[in-house]
Amino acid sequence: MIKGDTPFLYTQKAKDAEQKLKEKVHLMKRKIKKSAYDIKEKLRRKSKISRTGNYVSIIMGVLLLIMSWSSQIEWLIWLSSISIFSNVFLLTIQKNNLFS
């Protein structure tokens, strides 16, 4: 090997390493974007499913309110009314998408 060829060899190795690094960075960016998209999609699907839970909680809260009203249990009346109002509030947030 000639002494003059060694800088060329090192620059070529550096260019190859830089190209490999760029490829790896590009692949990692694609993986991160794909995983972020997958997480957003899961959260979007989950928010659509969870609306039924709010409806069921409202119905159960109304039934609990009626039963506690008839038996005159004051703390249960307050608990069921707070449950109803919180579920209605969560439903309106999900329908209007205020936080997204």
Protein backbone atom coordinates (compact mmCIF):
# COMPACT_ATOMS: atom_id res chain seq x y z
CA MET A 1 0.00 0.00 0.00
CA ILE A 2 1.27 3.46 -0.83
CA LYS A 3 1.40 6.10 1.88
CA GLY A 4 -0.60 8.53 -0.28
CA ASP A 5 -3.54 6.10 -0.58
CA THR A 6 -4.30 5.88 3.15
CA PRO A 7 -6.17 9.22 3.42
CA PHE A 8 -8.35 8.17 0.49
CA LEU A 9 -9.04 4.85 2.19
CA TYR A 10 -10.03 6.56 5.42
CA THR A 11 -12.27 9.05 3.66
CA GLN A 12 -13.97 6.24 1.76
CA LYS A 13 -14.54 4.31 5.01
CA ALA A 14 -15.88 7.47 6.62
CA LYS A 15 -18.27 8.03 3.70
CA ASP A 16 -19.45 4.42 3.88
CA ALA A 17 -19.99 4.68 7.63
CA GLU A 18 -21.87 7.96 7.15
CA GLN A 19 -24.12 6.38 4.51
CA LYS A 20 -24.87 3.39 6.75
CA LEU A 21 -25.63 5.73 9.63
CA LYS A 22 -28.00 7.77 7.44
CA GLU A 23 -29.80 4.58 6.40
CA LYS A 24 -30.17 3.47 10.02
CA VAL A 25 -31.46 6.90 11.06
CA HIS A 26 -33.96 6.82 8.21
CA LEU A 27 -35.17 3.36 9.24
CA MET A 28 -35.50 4.43 12.88
CA LYS A 29 -37.51 7.51 11.87
CA ARG A 30 -39.87 5.31 9.87
CA LYS A 31 -40.27 2.89 12.80
CA ILE A 32 -40.98 5.75 15.22
CA LYS A 33 -43.54 7.29 12.88
CA LYS A 34 -45.22 3.92 12.38
CA SER A 35 -45.39 3.18 16.11
CA ALA A 36 -46.74 6.68 16.83
CA TYR A 37 -49.40 6.15 14.17
CA ASP A 38 -50.29 2.75 15.64
CA ILE A 39 -50.65 4.24 19.13
CA LYS A 40 -52.84 7.08 17.83
CA GLU A 41 -55.00 4.57 15.97
CA LYS A 42 -55.42 2.39 19.07
CA LEU A 43 -56.38 5.39 21.18
CA ARG A 44 -58.84 6.57 18.53
CA ARG A 45 -60.50 3.15 18.36
CA LYS A 46 -60.61 2.85 22.13
CA SER A 47 -62.29 6.24 22.55
CA LYS A 48 -65.08 5.21 20.19
CA ILE A 49 -65.70 1.99 22.12
CA SER A 50 -65.66 3.62 25.55
CA ARG A 51 -68.80 5.70 24.86
CA THR A 52 -71.00 2.71 25.57
CA GLY A 53 -69.47 2.46 29.03
CA ASN A 54 -70.55 6.02 29.78
CA TYR A 55 -74.12 5.27 28.68
CA VAL A 56 -74.22 2.18 30.87
CA SER A 57 -72.83 4.14 33.83
CA ILE A 58 -75.46 6.84 33.36
CA ILE A 59 -78.26 4.25 33.30
CA MET A 60 -76.88 2.53 36.40
CA GLY A 61 -76.53 5.92 38.11
CA VAL A 62 -80.17 6.74 37.37
CA LEU A 63 -81.29 3.37 38.74
CA LEU A 64 -79.15 3.89 41.84
CA LEU A 65 -80.57 7.39 42.23
CA ILE A 66 -84.14 6.07 42.09
CA MET A 67 -83.41 3.31 44.60
CA SER A 68 -81.58 5.63 47.01
CA TRP A 69 -84.33 8.25 46.68
CA SER A 70 -86.96 5.69 47.63
CA SER A 71 -84.95 4.45 50.63
CA GLN A 72 -83.95 7.99 51.73
CA ILE A 73 -80.19 7.39 51.79
CA GLU A 74 -78.80 10.88 51.32
CA TRP A 75 -75.13 10.09 50.69
CA LEU A 76 -76.09 7.56 48.00
CA ILE A 77 -78.27 10.17 46.30
CA TRP A 78 -75.31 12.55 46.12
CA LEU A 79 -72.97 9.81 44.95
CA SER A 80 -75.26 8.68 42.14
CA SER A 81 -75.97 12.25 41.00
CA ILE A 82 -72.24 13.04 40.87
CA SER A 83 -71.69 9.84 38.91
CA ILE A 84 -74.39 10.79 36.41
CA PHE A 85 -73.05 14.32 35.93
CA SER A 86 -69.46 13.17 35.51
CA ASN A 87 -70.42 10.58 32.89
CA VAL A 88 -72.53 13.13 31.00
CA PHE A 89 -69.56 15.51 31.07
CA LEU A 90 -67.22 12.80 29.76
CA LEU A 91 -69.70 11.96 27.01
CA THR A 92 -69.90 15.58 25.86
CA ILE A 93 -66.10 15.85 25.83
CA GLN A 94 -65.80 12.71 23.72
CA LYS A 95 -68.52 13.77 21.28
CA ASN A 96 -67.14 17.27 20.77
CA ASN A 97 -63.48 16.20 20.85
CA LEU A 98 -62.53 19.24 22.90
CA PHE A 99 -59.13 17.90 23.91
CA SER A 100 -57.95 16.50 20.60
